[in-house]
Amino acid sequence: MQFGYSETCLDHDTGPRHPETADRLRAIRRGLAKRHGVEYVDAPPAEKSTVAAVHDDSYVDEFHDFCSDGGGNWDPDTVAVEASWDAALTAAGLAEWAARAALDGDDGRDTPFSLGRPPGHHAVEDDAMGFCFFNNAAVAAQAVIDDGLAERVAIFDWDVHHGNGTQDIFYDRGDVFYTSIHEDGLYPGTGEVEETGEGDGEGSTLNVPLRAGAGDADYVYSFDEAIAPAVERFDPDLFIVSAGFDAHRHDPISRMRVSTEGYAMLTECVQDLCAATDAAIAFVLEGGYGLDTLSEGVATVHETFDGRIAMDPDEDPDEKNVELVDDVRAAHGLGAK
């Protein structure tokens, strides 16, 4: 794979006790150093106007001024320093690069994966939250739509937390399909089955809020039985994965049970779906706070694109999650299983 990476993202300093640190990117780099076929690409930062296409101008200016004044705690969880402005623009630019590279034909072993921080999927139009300042995946999707490179974009969020920001930004839009598998009831408390979009976006949001403790079989079943048929119907030109690795069974801040192999399974699911829909694929890093599991997860995605075959789940999905998927299918007119 090609990995978008910039040392600028290391300068976003959240302090010694914060889970979202520059060590996350360092750990990923160490893990990828053991693999072959890894290529790094540095991309220019996003333009302020590109970020403002999905965020309010006043919020963008407020964040700029906040960083210029030295930063601090935007909220109890979300921290910035002076260098965070450049890091956030760089993370958004790396995501934009990944989307453009995918649509330009980079696929297979050249599939782009943006390794930017701060992450983005909690950032709403007019505010930062949940470690996020600019919504990187949303910036990337809007940029390629605005430039006429794609008419329809799907964003699949497998981070353990619901991407409320991405959902909110596109909730009334019919040209971006947002779908998420996440832990029910976890921060930020959004992402219910009934949240399906509104107006022109009715039906273009699909949430699978799995019970705590869900593992590989639950995730694969949810993707195959709910997400894949809905995305096939949507027929996107580009499929962006908001790739958080905090649903891993050893991540310190979630209660899910996805294995490292489970991320290979999900990657194969994405590959198969995009082959069926002829959609380009780009990955954008979100969360993941166990350094070993984060680096292993990213490396496993890379190895899957390098030809590694994923194992099948070694158990059946939990019956309660099967019932949940039935509810999701019903909410989106996909019929009963």
C-alpha atoms as a PDB file:
ATOM      1  CA  MET A   1       0.000   0.000   0.000  1.00  0.00           C
ATOM      2  CA  GLN A   2       0.891   3.642  -0.268  1.00  0.00           C
ATOM      3  CA  PHE A   3       0.798   5.387   3.091  1.00  0.00           C
ATOM      4  CA  GLY A   4       0.283   9.122   3.316  1.00  0.00           C
ATOM      5  CA  TYR A   5       2.509  10.374   6.098  1.00  0.00           C
ATOM      6  CA  SER A   6       3.997  13.651   7.282  1.00  0.00           C
ATOM      7  CA  GLU A   7       6.238  14.479  10.223  1.00  0.00           C
ATOM      8  CA  THR A   8       4.066  17.569  10.709  1.00  0.00           C
ATOM      9  CA  CYS A   9       1.397  15.369  12.284  1.00  0.00           C
ATOM     10  CA  LEU A  10       3.836  14.461  15.071  1.00  0.00           C
ATOM     11  CA  ASP A  11       3.870  18.080  16.237  1.00  0.00           C
ATOM     12  CA  HIS A  12       0.277  17.913  17.499  1.00  0.00           C
ATOM     13  CA  ASP A  13       1.176  17.500  21.180  1.00  0.00           C
ATOM     14  CA  THR A  14      -1.661  16.317  23.410  1.00  0.00           C
ATOM     15  CA  GLY A  15       0.426  15.862  26.550  1.00  0.00           C
ATOM     16  CA  PRO A  16       1.817  12.880  28.438  1.00  0.00           C
ATOM     17  CA  ARG A  17      -1.452  11.281  29.622  1.00  0.00           C
ATOM     18  CA  HIS A  18      -3.598  11.636  26.514  1.00  0.00           C
ATOM     19  CA  PRO A  19      -4.383   8.432  24.560  1.00  0.00           C
ATOM     20  CA  GLU A  20      -4.153  10.153  21.154  1.00  0.00           C
ATOM     21  CA  THR A  21      -0.412  10.846  20.870  1.00  0.00           C
ATOM     22  CA  ALA A  22       2.269  11.017  18.205  1.00  0.00           C
ATOM     23  CA  ASP A  23       3.460   7.612  19.453  1.00  0.00           C
ATOM     24  CA  ARG A  24       0.531   6.131  17.534  1.00  0.00           C
ATOM     25  CA  LEU A  25       2.103   7.093  14.207  1.00  0.00           C
ATOM     26  CA  ARG A  26       5.560   6.050  15.388  1.00  0.00           C
ATOM     27  CA  ALA A  27       4.208   2.623  16.342  1.00  0.00           C
ATOM     28  CA  ILE A  28       2.568   2.214  12.939  1.00  0.00           C
ATOM     29  CA  ARG A  29       5.830   3.099  11.201  1.00  0.00           C
ATOM     30  CA  ARG A  30       7.726   0.558  13.315  1.00  0.00           C
ATOM     31  CA  GLY A  31       5.189  -2.130  12.499  1.00  0.00           C
ATOM     32  CA  LEU A  32       5.284  -1.401   8.775  1.00  0.00           C
ATOM     33  CA  ALA A  33       9.095  -1.431   8.739  1.00  0.00           C
ATOM     34  CA  LYS A  34       8.905  -5.225   9.010  1.00  0.00           C
ATOM     35  CA  ARG A  35       6.722  -5.544   5.907  1.00  0.00           C
ATOM     36  CA  HIS A  36       7.654  -5.325   2.257  1.00  0.00           C
ATOM     37  CA  GLY A  37       5.921  -3.240  -0.370  1.00  0.00           C
ATOM     38  CA  VAL A  38       5.394  -0.218   1.880  1.00  0.00           C
ATOM     39  CA  GLU A  39       5.630   3.184   0.197  1.00  0.00           C
ATOM     40  CA  TYR A  40       5.311   6.550   1.959  1.00  0.00           C
ATOM     41  CA  VAL A  41       3.909   9.647   0.298  1.00  0.00           C
ATOM     42  CA  ASP A  42       3.957  13.159   1.749  1.00  0.00           C
ATOM     43  CA  ALA A  43       1.084  15.277   0.509  1.00  0.00           C
ATOM     44  CA  PRO A  44       0.491  19.025   0.815  1.00  0.00           C
ATOM     45  CA  PRO A  45      -1.791  20.266   3.589  1.00  0.00           C
ATOM     46  CA  ALA A  46      -5.397  20.952   2.765  1.00  0.00           C
ATOM     47  CA  GLU A  47      -6.271  24.483   1.805  1.00  0.00           C
ATOM     48  CA  LYS A  48      -8.299  26.399   4.345  1.00  0.00           C
ATOM     49  CA  SER A  49     -11.062  26.750   1.751  1.00  0.00           C
ATOM     50  CA  THR A  50     -11.138  22.976   1.251  1.00  0.00           C
ATOM     51  CA  VAL A  51     -11.628  22.428   4.976  1.00  0.00           C
ATOM     52  CA  ALA A  52     -14.272  25.166   5.050  1.00  0.00           C
ATOM     53  CA  ALA A  53     -16.267  23.238   2.443  1.00  0.00           C
ATOM     54  CA  VAL A  54     -17.417  20.941   5.271  1.00  0.00           C
ATOM     55  CA  HIS A  55     -16.823  23.170   8.314  1.00  0.00           C
ATOM     56  CA  ASP A  56     -18.235  26.605   9.147  1.00  0.00           C
ATOM     57  CA  ASP A  57     -15.867  29.462   8.306  1.00  0.00           C
ATOM     58  CA  SER A  58     -16.286  30.900  11.788  1.00  0.00           C
ATOM     59  CA  TYR A  59     -15.267  27.630  13.416  1.00  0.00           C
ATOM     60  CA  VAL A  60     -12.203  27.267  11.178  1.00  0.00           C
ATOM     61  CA  ASP A  61     -11.135  30.802  12.091  1.00  0.00           C
ATOM     62  CA  GLU A  62     -11.801  30.152  15.768  1.00  0.00           C
ATOM     63  CA  PHE A  63      -9.613  27.041  15.732  1.00  0.00           C
ATOM     64  CA  HIS A  64      -6.853  28.920  13.908  1.00  0.00           C
ATOM     65  CA  ASP A  65      -6.915  31.696  16.502  1.00  0.00           C
ATOM     66  CA  PHE A  66      -7.022  29.173  19.349  1.00  0.00           C
ATOM     67  CA  CYS A  67      -3.828  27.545  18.083  1.00  0.00           C
ATOM     68  CA  SER A  68      -2.156  30.893  17.350  1.00  0.00           C
ATOM     69  CA  ASP A  69      -2.745  31.837  20.992  1.00  0.00           C
ATOM     70  CA  GLY A  70      -0.940  28.699  22.150  1.00  0.00           C
ATOM     71  CA  GLY A  71      -3.852  26.262  22.273  1.00  0.00           C
ATOM     72  CA  GLY A  72      -4.979  24.458  25.416  1.00  0.00           C
ATOM     73  CA  ASN A  73      -8.003  22.330  26.228  1.00  0.00           C
ATOM     74  CA  TRP A  74     -10.720  22.934  23.658  1.00  0.00           C
ATOM     75  CA  ASP A  75     -12.827  20.596  25.783  1.00  0.00           C
ATOM     76  CA  PRO A  76     -11.814  18.084  28.485  1.00  0.00           C
ATOM     77  CA  ASP A  77     -10.822  15.493  25.842  1.00  0.00           C
ATOM     78  CA  THR A  78      -9.661  17.590  22.911  1.00  0.00           C
ATOM     79  CA  VAL A  79      -6.284  19.323  23.220  1.00  0.00           C
ATOM     80  CA  ALA A  80      -4.337  21.597  20.885  1.00  0.00           C
ATOM     81  CA  VAL A  81      -1.018  23.425  20.797  1.00  0.00           C
ATOM     82  CA  GLU A  82       0.205  26.063  18.372  1.00  0.00           C
ATOM     83  CA  ALA A  83       1.413  23.389  15.948  1.00  0.00           C
ATOM     84  CA  SER A  84      -1.985  21.662  15.915  1.00  0.00           C
ATOM     85  CA  TRP A  85      -3.284  24.000  13.191  1.00  0.00           C
ATOM     86  CA  ASP A  86      -0.660  22.825  10.709  1.00  0.00           C
ATOM     87  CA  ALA A  87      -1.049  19.215  11.841  1.00  0.00           C
ATOM     88  CA  ALA A  88      -4.819  19.314  11.341  1.00  0.00           C
ATOM     89  CA  LEU A  89      -4.496  20.831   7.860  1.00  0.00           C
ATOM     90  CA  THR A  90      -1.866  18.208   7.055  1.00  0.00           C
ATOM     91  CA  ALA A  91      -4.062  15.333   8.261  1.00  0.00           C
ATOM     92  CA  ALA A  92      -6.914  16.643   6.121  1.00  0.00           C
ATOM     93  CA  GLY A  93      -4.553  17.017   3.160  1.00  0.00           C
ATOM     94  CA  LEU A  94      -3.338  13.443   3.529  1.00  0.00           C
ATOM     95  CA  ALA A  95      -6.933  12.201   3.492  1.00  0.00           C
ATOM     96  CA  GLU A  96      -7.612  14.316   0.408  1.00  0.00           C
ATOM     97  CA  TRP A  97      -4.518  12.809  -1.241  1.00  0.00           C
ATOM     98  CA  ALA A  98      -5.765   9.292  -0.506  1.00  0.00           C
ATOM     99  CA  ALA A  99      -9.151   9.971  -2.099  1.00  0.00           C
ATOM    100  CA  ARG A 100      -7.622  11.579  -5.186  1.00  0.00           C
ATOM    101  CA  ALA A 101      -5.018   8.825  -5.576  1.00  0.00           C
ATOM    102  CA  ALA A 102      -7.685   6.130  -5.375  1.00  0.00           C
ATOM    103  CA  LEU A 103      -9.813   7.820  -8.019  1.00  0.00           C
ATOM    104  CA  ASP A 104      -6.700   8.287 -10.156  1.00  0.00           C
ATOM    105  CA  GLY A 105      -6.394   4.495 -10.324  1.00  0.00           C
ATOM    106  CA  ASP A 106      -4.112   3.600  -7.423  1.00  0.00           C
ATOM    107  CA  ASP A 107      -5.446   0.249  -6.263  1.00  0.00           C
ATOM    108  CA  GLY A 108      -4.347  -3.261  -5.339  1.00  0.00           C
ATOM    109  CA  ARG A 109      -0.883  -3.081  -3.801  1.00  0.00           C
ATOM    110  CA  ASP A 110      -0.911   0.699  -4.414  1.00  0.00           C
ATOM    111  CA  THR A 111      -4.132   1.361  -2.490  1.00  0.00           C
ATOM    112  CA  PRO A 112      -3.734   4.627  -0.521  1.00  0.00           C
ATOM    113  CA  PHE A 113      -3.946   4.792   3.272  1.00  0.00           C
ATOM    114  CA  SER A 114      -3.713   8.184   4.984  1.00  0.00           C
ATOM    115  CA  LEU A 115      -1.838   8.114   8.318  1.00  0.00           C
ATOM    116  CA  GLY A 116      -2.782  11.538   9.616  1.00  0.00           C
ATOM    117  CA  ARG A 117      -3.501  12.888  13.075  1.00  0.00           C
ATOM    118  CA  PRO A 118      -5.392  14.432  14.742  1.00  0.00           C
ATOM    119  CA  PRO A 119      -8.186  12.053  13.708  1.00  0.00           C
ATOM    120  CA  GLY A 120     -11.396  13.469  12.320  1.00  0.00           C
ATOM    121  CA  HIS A 121     -14.659  11.557  12.474  1.00  0.00           C
ATOM    122  CA  HIS A 122     -16.069  13.281  15.592  1.00  0.00           C
ATOM    123  CA  ALA A 123     -15.531  16.816  14.263  1.00  0.00           C
ATOM    124  CA  VAL A 124     -18.868  18.367  13.331  1.00  0.00           C
ATOM    125  CA  GLU A 125     -19.431  21.350  11.065  1.00  0.00           C
ATOM    126  CA  ASP A 126     -18.959  23.958  13.764  1.00  0.00           C
ATOM    127  CA  ASP A 127     -17.037  22.300  16.580  1.00  0.00           C
ATOM    128  CA  ALA A 128     -14.187  20.035  17.633  1.00  0.00           C
ATOM    129  CA  MET A 129     -14.734  17.062  19.904  1.00  0.00           C
ATOM    130  CA  GLY A 130     -13.455  13.581  20.686  1.00  0.00           C
ATOM    131  CA  PHE A 131      -9.777  14.355  19.847  1.00  0.00           C
ATOM    132  CA  CYS A 132     -10.878  15.659  16.398  1.00  0.00           C
ATOM    133  CA  PHE A 133     -10.657  19.152  14.868  1.00  0.00           C
ATOM    134  CA  PHE A 134     -11.181  18.749  11.106  1.00  0.00           C
ATOM    135  CA  ASN A 135     -13.184  15.863   9.699  1.00  0.00           C
ATOM    136  CA  ASN A 136     -10.555  14.335   7.445  1.00  0.00           C
ATOM    137  CA  ALA A 137     -12.750  11.777   5.670  1.00  0.00           C
ATOM    138  CA  ALA A 138     -15.455  14.386   5.063  1.00  0.00           C
ATOM    139  CA  VAL A 139     -12.913  16.868   3.706  1.00  0.00           C
ATOM    140  CA  ALA A 140     -11.636  14.204   1.307  1.00  0.00           C
ATOM    141  CA  ALA A 141     -15.109  13.199   0.126  1.00  0.00           C
ATOM    142  CA  GLN A 142     -16.224  16.785  -0.443  1.00  0.00           C
ATOM    143  CA  ALA A 143     -13.017  17.709  -2.264  1.00  0.00           C
ATOM    144  CA  VAL A 144     -13.378  14.993  -4.909  1.00  0.00           C
ATOM    145  CA  ILE A 145     -17.077  15.732  -5.339  1.00  0.00           C
ATOM    146  CA  ASP A 146     -16.427  19.453  -5.739  1.00  0.00           C
ATOM    147  CA  ASP A 147     -13.743  18.765  -8.335  1.00  0.00           C
ATOM    148  CA  GLY A 148     -16.013  16.461 -10.326  1.00  0.00           C
ATOM    149  CA  LEU A 149     -13.849  13.412  -9.714  1.00  0.00           C
ATOM    150  CA  ALA A 150     -16.693  11.506  -8.068  1.00  0.00           C
ATOM    151  CA  GLU A 151     -20.454  11.898  -8.022  1.00  0.00           C
ATOM    152  CA  ARG A 152     -21.142   9.524  -5.140  1.00  0.00           C
ATOM    153  CA  VAL A 153     -18.923   8.626  -2.183  1.00  0.00           C
ATOM    154  CA  ALA A 154     -19.487   6.000   0.512  1.00  0.00           C
ATOM    155  CA  ILE A 155     -17.727   6.277   3.879  1.00  0.00           C
ATOM    156  CA  PHE A 156     -17.490   3.135   6.012  1.00  0.00           C
ATOM    157  CA  ASP A 157     -16.466   3.791   9.606  1.00  0.00           C
ATOM    158  CA  TRP A 158     -15.184   0.736  11.493  1.00  0.00           C
ATOM    159  CA  ASP A 159     -13.841   2.724  14.453  1.00  0.00           C
ATOM    160  CA  VAL A 160     -15.361   1.487  17.735  1.00  0.00           C
ATOM    161  CA  HIS A 161     -16.865   4.957  18.286  1.00  0.00           C
ATOM    162  CA  HIS A 162     -19.644   6.264  16.096  1.00  0.00           C
ATOM    163  CA  GLY A 163     -18.468   8.976  13.701  1.00  0.00           C
ATOM    164  CA  ASN A 164     -21.104  11.516  14.669  1.00  0.00           C
ATOM    165  CA  GLY A 165     -19.308  14.307  12.842  1.00  0.00           C
ATOM    166  CA  THR A 166     -19.204  12.539   9.494  1.00  0.00           C
ATOM    167  CA  GLN A 167     -22.822  11.511   9.861  1.00  0.00           C
ATOM    168  CA  ASP A 168     -23.940  15.048  10.755  1.00  0.00           C
ATOM    169  CA  ILE A 169     -22.067  16.708   7.903  1.00  0.00           C
ATOM    170  CA  PHE A 170     -23.739  14.530   5.265  1.00  0.00           C
ATOM    171  CA  TYR A 171     -26.999  13.672   7.010  1.00  0.00           C
ATOM    172  CA  ASP A 172     -29.212  15.536   4.536  1.00  0.00           C
ATOM    173  CA  ARG A 173     -27.122  14.720   1.469  1.00  0.00           C
ATOM    174  CA  GLY A 174     -27.879  12.076  -1.120  1.00  0.00           C
ATOM    175  CA  ASP A 175     -24.423  11.988  -2.703  1.00  0.00           C
ATOM    176  CA  VAL A 176     -22.535  10.667   0.354  1.00  0.00           C
ATOM    177  CA  PHE A 177     -23.482   7.403   2.051  1.00  0.00           C
ATOM    178  CA  TYR A 178     -22.233   7.105   5.636  1.00  0.00           C
ATOM    179  CA  THR A 179     -22.226   3.746   7.405  1.00  0.00           C
ATOM    180  CA  SER A 180     -20.773   2.738  10.752  1.00  0.00           C
ATOM    181  CA  ILE A 181     -20.270  -0.380  12.858  1.00  0.00           C
ATOM    182  CA  HIS A 182     -19.639   0.725  16.431  1.00  0.00           C
ATOM    183  CA  GLU A 183     -20.159  -0.188  20.077  1.00  0.00           C
ATOM    184  CA  ASP A 184     -23.651   0.668  21.228  1.00  0.00           C
ATOM    185  CA  GLY A 185     -23.750   3.291  23.984  1.00  0.00           C
ATOM    186  CA  LEU A 186     -20.088   4.249  23.750  1.00  0.00           C
ATOM    187  CA  TYR A 187     -18.955   7.872  23.239  1.00  0.00           C
ATOM    188  CA  PRO A 188     -20.477   9.995  21.762  1.00  0.00           C
ATOM    189  CA  GLY A 189     -23.765   8.129  22.268  1.00  0.00           C
ATOM    190  CA  THR A 190     -25.037   8.546  18.708  1.00  0.00           C
ATOM    191  CA  GLY A 191     -25.476   6.110  15.838  1.00  0.00           C
ATOM    192  CA  GLU A 192     -28.805   4.412  16.439  1.00  0.00           C
ATOM    193  CA  VAL A 193     -30.462   2.206  13.838  1.00  0.00           C
ATOM    194  CA  GLU A 194     -33.218   4.804  13.423  1.00  0.00           C
ATOM    195  CA  GLU A 195     -30.719   7.461  12.299  1.00  0.00           C
ATOM    196  CA  THR A 196     -31.041   6.951   8.542  1.00  0.00           C
ATOM    197  CA  GLY A 197     -30.713  10.490   7.141  1.00  0.00           C
ATOM    198  CA  GLU A 198     -33.215  13.168   6.287  1.00  0.00           C
ATOM    199  CA  GLY A 199     -34.393  15.136   3.268  1.00  0.00           C
ATOM    200  CA  ASP A 200     -32.282  14.308   0.229  1.00  0.00           C
ATOM    201  CA  GLY A 201     -30.183  12.112   2.509  1.00  0.00           C
ATOM    202  CA  GLU A 202     -32.994   9.849   3.693  1.00  0.00           C
ATOM    203  CA  GLY A 203     -31.619   6.303   3.553  1.00  0.00           C
ATOM    204  CA  SER A 204     -28.014   7.456   3.074  1.00  0.00           C
ATOM    205  CA  THR A 205     -26.978   6.826   6.689  1.00  0.00           C
ATOM    206  CA  LEU A 206     -26.760   3.266   8.016  1.00  0.00           C
ATOM    207  CA  ASN A 207     -25.732   2.443  11.570  1.00  0.00           C
ATOM    208  CA  VAL A 208     -24.991  -0.921  13.150  1.00  0.00           C
ATOM    209  CA  PRO A 209     -24.645  -0.320  16.921  1.00  0.00           C
ATOM    210  CA  LEU A 210     -23.366  -3.709  18.087  1.00  0.00           C
ATOM    211  CA  ARG A 211     -23.527  -4.898  21.667  1.00  0.00           C
ATOM    212  CA  ALA A 212     -20.366  -4.668  23.760  1.00  0.00           C
ATOM    213  CA  GLY A 213     -18.298  -7.801  23.331  1.00  0.00           C
ATOM    214  CA  ALA A 214     -18.982  -8.208  19.612  1.00  0.00           C
ATOM    215  CA  GLY A 215     -16.200  -9.950  17.728  1.00  0.00           C
ATOM    216  CA  ASP A 216     -15.059 -10.929  14.268  1.00  0.00           C
ATOM    217  CA  ALA A 217     -18.152 -12.924  13.309  1.00  0.00           C
ATOM    218  CA  ASP A 218     -20.492 -10.106  14.361  1.00  0.00           C
ATOM    219  CA  TYR A 219     -18.572  -7.550  12.323  1.00  0.00           C
ATOM    220  CA  VAL A 220     -18.335  -9.681   9.193  1.00  0.00           C
ATOM    221  CA  TYR A 221     -22.002 -10.664   9.417  1.00  0.00           C
ATOM    222  CA  SER A 222     -23.042  -7.014   9.843  1.00  0.00           C
ATOM    223  CA  PHE A 223     -21.020  -5.979   6.830  1.00  0.00           C
ATOM    224  CA  ASP A 224     -22.163  -8.804   4.561  1.00  0.00           C
ATOM    225  CA  GLU A 225     -25.840  -8.697   5.470  1.00  0.00           C
ATOM    226  CA  ALA A 226     -26.509  -4.983   5.953  1.00  0.00           C
ATOM    227  CA  ILE A 227     -23.729  -2.708   4.772  1.00  0.00           C
ATOM    228  CA  ALA A 228     -22.748  -4.467   1.538  1.00  0.00           C
ATOM    229  CA  PRO A 229     -26.248  -4.637   0.017  1.00  0.00           C
ATOM    230  CA  ALA A 230     -26.974  -1.027   0.981  1.00  0.00           C
ATOM    231  CA  VAL A 231     -23.709   0.217  -0.523  1.00  0.00           C
ATOM    232  CA  GLU A 232     -24.247  -1.851  -3.667  1.00  0.00           C
ATOM    233  CA  ARG A 233     -27.609  -0.129  -4.080  1.00  0.00           C
ATOM    234  CA  PHE A 234     -25.974   3.276  -3.539  1.00  0.00           C
ATOM    235  CA  ASP A 235     -23.294   2.437  -6.163  1.00  0.00           C
ATOM    236  CA  PRO A 236     -20.453   4.782  -5.114  1.00  0.00           C
ATOM    237  CA  ASP A 237     -17.527   5.927  -7.229  1.00  0.00           C
ATOM    238  CA  LEU A 238     -15.284   6.034  -4.142  1.00  0.00           C
ATOM    239  CA  PHE A 239     -15.334   4.015  -0.926  1.00  0.00           C
ATOM    240  CA  ILE A 240     -13.498   5.621   2.004  1.00  0.00           C
ATOM    241  CA  VAL A 241     -12.760   3.539   5.086  1.00  0.00           C
ATOM    242  CA  SER A 242     -12.586   5.568   8.301  1.00  0.00           C
ATOM    243  CA  ALA A 243     -10.192   3.063   9.804  1.00  0.00           C
ATOM    244  CA  GLY A 244     -10.038   3.101  13.573  1.00  0.00           C
ATOM    245  CA  PHE A 245      -8.528   0.084  15.302  1.00  0.00           C
ATOM    246  CA  ASP A 246      -9.984   0.585  18.765  1.00  0.00           C
ATOM    247  CA  ALA A 247     -12.538  -2.227  18.436  1.00  0.00           C
ATOM    248  CA  HIS A 248      -9.590  -4.581  18.942  1.00  0.00           C
ATOM    249  CA  ARG A 249     -10.010  -6.930  21.892  1.00  0.00           C
ATOM    250  CA  HIS A 250      -6.871  -5.532  23.524  1.00  0.00           C
ATOM    251  CA  ASP A 251      -7.529  -1.833  22.950  1.00  0.00           C
ATOM    252  CA  PRO A 252      -7.630  -0.007  26.304  1.00  0.00           C
ATOM    253  CA  ILE A 253     -10.759   2.088  25.741  1.00  0.00           C
ATOM    254  CA  SER A 254     -13.386  -0.276  24.291  1.00  0.00           C
ATOM    255  CA  ARG A 255     -15.148  -3.511  25.153  1.00  0.00           C
ATOM    256  CA  MET A 256     -15.270  -5.067  21.698  1.00  0.00           C
ATOM    257  CA  ARG A 257     -13.552  -8.325  20.788  1.00  0.00           C
ATOM    258  CA  VAL A 258     -12.273  -7.872  17.231  1.00  0.00           C
ATOM    259  CA  SER A 259      -8.988  -9.696  16.633  1.00  0.00           C
ATOM    260  CA  THR A 260      -6.115  -8.576  14.455  1.00  0.00           C
ATOM    261  CA  GLU A 261      -7.272 -11.215  11.991  1.00  0.00           C
ATOM    262  CA  GLY A 262     -10.720  -9.636  12.123  1.00  0.00           C
ATOM    263  CA  TYR A 263      -9.323  -6.524  10.446  1.00  0.00           C
ATOM    264  CA  ALA A 264      -8.044  -8.718   7.635  1.00  0.00           C
ATOM    265  CA  MET A 265     -11.553 -10.150   7.312  1.00  0.00           C
ATOM    266  CA  LEU A 266     -13.080  -6.675   7.158  1.00  0.00           C
ATOM    267  CA  THR A 267     -10.496  -5.607   4.599  1.00  0.00           C
ATOM    268  CA  GLU A 268     -11.433  -8.547   2.396  1.00  0.00           C
ATOM    269  CA  CYS A 269     -15.099  -7.596   2.788  1.00  0.00           C
ATOM    270  CA  VAL A 270     -14.258  -4.098   1.563  1.00  0.00           C
ATOM    271  CA  GLN A 271     -12.222  -5.465  -1.351  1.00  0.00           C
ATOM    272  CA  ASP A 272     -15.049  -7.770  -2.450  1.00  0.00           C
ATOM    273  CA  LEU A 273     -17.673  -5.035  -2.199  1.00  0.00           C
ATOM    274  CA  CYS A 274     -15.610  -2.517  -4.144  1.00  0.00           C
ATOM    275  CA  ALA A 275     -14.863  -5.106  -6.827  1.00  0.00           C
ATOM    276  CA  ALA A 276     -18.616  -5.680  -7.170  1.00  0.00           C
ATOM    277  CA  THR A 277     -19.403  -1.957  -7.392  1.00  0.00           C
ATOM    278  CA  ASP A 278     -16.252  -0.898  -9.273  1.00  0.00           C
ATOM    279  CA  ALA A 279     -15.534   1.666  -6.552  1.00  0.00           C
ATOM    280  CA  ALA A 280     -12.092   3.051  -5.799  1.00  0.00           C
ATOM    281  CA  ILE A 281     -10.832   2.459  -2.216  1.00  0.00           C
ATOM    282  CA  ALA A 282      -9.051   4.827   0.152  1.00  0.00           C
ATOM    283  CA  PHE A 283      -8.298   4.430   3.870  1.00  0.00           C
ATOM    284  CA  VAL A 284      -8.145   7.243   6.435  1.00  0.00           C
ATOM    285  CA  LEU A 285      -6.791   6.600   9.936  1.00  0.00           C
ATOM    286  CA  GLU A 286      -9.101   7.336  12.860  1.00  0.00           C
ATOM    287  CA  GLY A 287      -8.656   5.858  16.374  1.00  0.00           C
ATOM    288  CA  GLY A 288      -6.783   2.981  17.959  1.00  0.00           C
ATOM    289  CA  TYR A 289      -5.018   3.493  21.271  1.00  0.00           C
ATOM    290  CA  GLY A 290      -3.171   0.285  22.046  1.00  0.00           C
ATOM    291  CA  LEU A 291       0.119   0.877  20.244  1.00  0.00           C
ATOM    292  CA  ASP A 292       0.757  -2.794  19.479  1.00  0.00           C
ATOM    293  CA  THR A 293      -2.775  -3.542  18.328  1.00  0.00           C
ATOM    294  CA  LEU A 294      -2.911  -0.343  16.265  1.00  0.00           C
ATOM    295  CA  SER A 295       0.318  -1.122  14.452  1.00  0.00           C
ATOM    296  CA  GLU A 296      -0.711  -4.753  13.941  1.00  0.00           C
ATOM    297  CA  GLY A 297      -4.081  -3.680  12.570  1.00  0.00           C
ATOM    298  CA  VAL A 298      -2.635  -1.280  10.009  1.00  0.00           C
ATOM    299  CA  ALA A 299      -0.022  -3.847   9.019  1.00  0.00           C
ATOM    300  CA  THR A 300      -2.730  -6.478   8.559  1.00  0.00           C
ATOM    301  CA  VAL A 301      -4.668  -4.205   6.214  1.00  0.00           C
ATOM    302  CA  HIS A 302      -1.459  -3.687   4.236  1.00  0.00           C
ATOM    303  CA  GLU A 303      -0.718  -7.421   4.110  1.00  0.00           C
ATOM    304  CA  THR A 304      -4.246  -8.156   2.899  1.00  0.00           C
ATOM    305  CA  PHE A 305      -3.753  -5.795  -0.028  1.00  0.00           C
ATOM    306  CA  ASP A 306      -0.384  -7.468  -0.567  1.00  0.00           C
ATOM    307  CA  GLY A 307      -2.100 -10.800  -1.158  1.00  0.00           C
ATOM    308  CA  ARG A 308      -2.540 -12.332   2.304  1.00  0.00           C
ATOM    309  CA  ILE A 309      -5.740 -14.391   2.563  1.00  0.00           C
ATOM    310  CA  ALA A 310      -7.826 -13.769   5.666  1.00  0.00           C
ATOM    311  CA  MET A 311      -9.162 -16.601   7.776  1.00  0.00           C
ATOM    312  CA  ASP A 312     -12.897 -17.090   8.269  1.00  0.00           C
ATOM    313  CA  PRO A 313     -14.481 -16.281  11.639  1.00  0.00           C
ATOM    314  CA  ASP A 314     -14.169 -19.217  14.028  1.00  0.00           C
ATOM    315  CA  GLU A 315     -17.595 -18.678  15.598  1.00  0.00           C
ATOM    316  CA  ASP A 316     -21.120 -17.644  14.674  1.00  0.00           C
ATOM    317  CA  PRO A 317     -22.436 -14.120  15.272  1.00  0.00           C
ATOM    318  CA  ASP A 318     -24.301 -13.534  18.518  1.00  0.00           C
ATOM    319  CA  GLU A 319     -28.048 -14.021  18.094  1.00  0.00           C
ATOM    320  CA  LYS A 320     -28.772 -10.561  19.524  1.00  0.00           C
ATOM    321  CA  ASN A 321     -26.559  -9.009  16.891  1.00  0.00           C
ATOM    322  CA  VAL A 322     -28.250 -11.064  14.177  1.00  0.00           C
ATOM    323  CA  GLU A 323     -31.561  -9.606  15.358  1.00  0.00           C
ATOM    324  CA  LEU A 324     -30.016  -6.123  15.280  1.00  0.00           C
ATOM    325  CA  VAL A 325     -28.906  -6.607  11.687  1.00  0.00           C
ATOM    326  CA  ASP A 326     -32.449  -7.668  10.819  1.00  0.00           C
ATOM    327  CA  ASP A 327     -33.635  -4.339  12.263  1.00  0.00           C
ATOM    328  CA  VAL A 328     -31.054  -2.473  10.182  1.00  0.00           C
ATOM    329  CA  ARG A 329     -32.141  -4.291   7.031  1.00  0.00           C
ATOM    330  CA  ALA A 330     -35.763  -3.438   7.761  1.00  0.00           C
ATOM    331  CA  ALA A 331     -34.934   0.244   8.365  1.00  0.00           C
ATOM    332  CA  HIS A 332     -33.283   0.399   4.937  1.00  0.00           C
ATOM    333  CA  GLY A 333     -35.800  -1.654   2.972  1.00  0.00           C
ATOM    334  CA  LEU A 334     -33.376  -4.519   2.385  1.00  0.00           C
ATOM    335  CA  GLY A 335     -35.915  -7.217   3.228  1.00  0.00           C
ATOM    336  CA  ALA A 336     -35.842 -10.007   5.774  1.00  0.00           C
ATOM    337  CA  LYS A 337     -33.113 -12.634   5.918  1.00  0.00           C
END
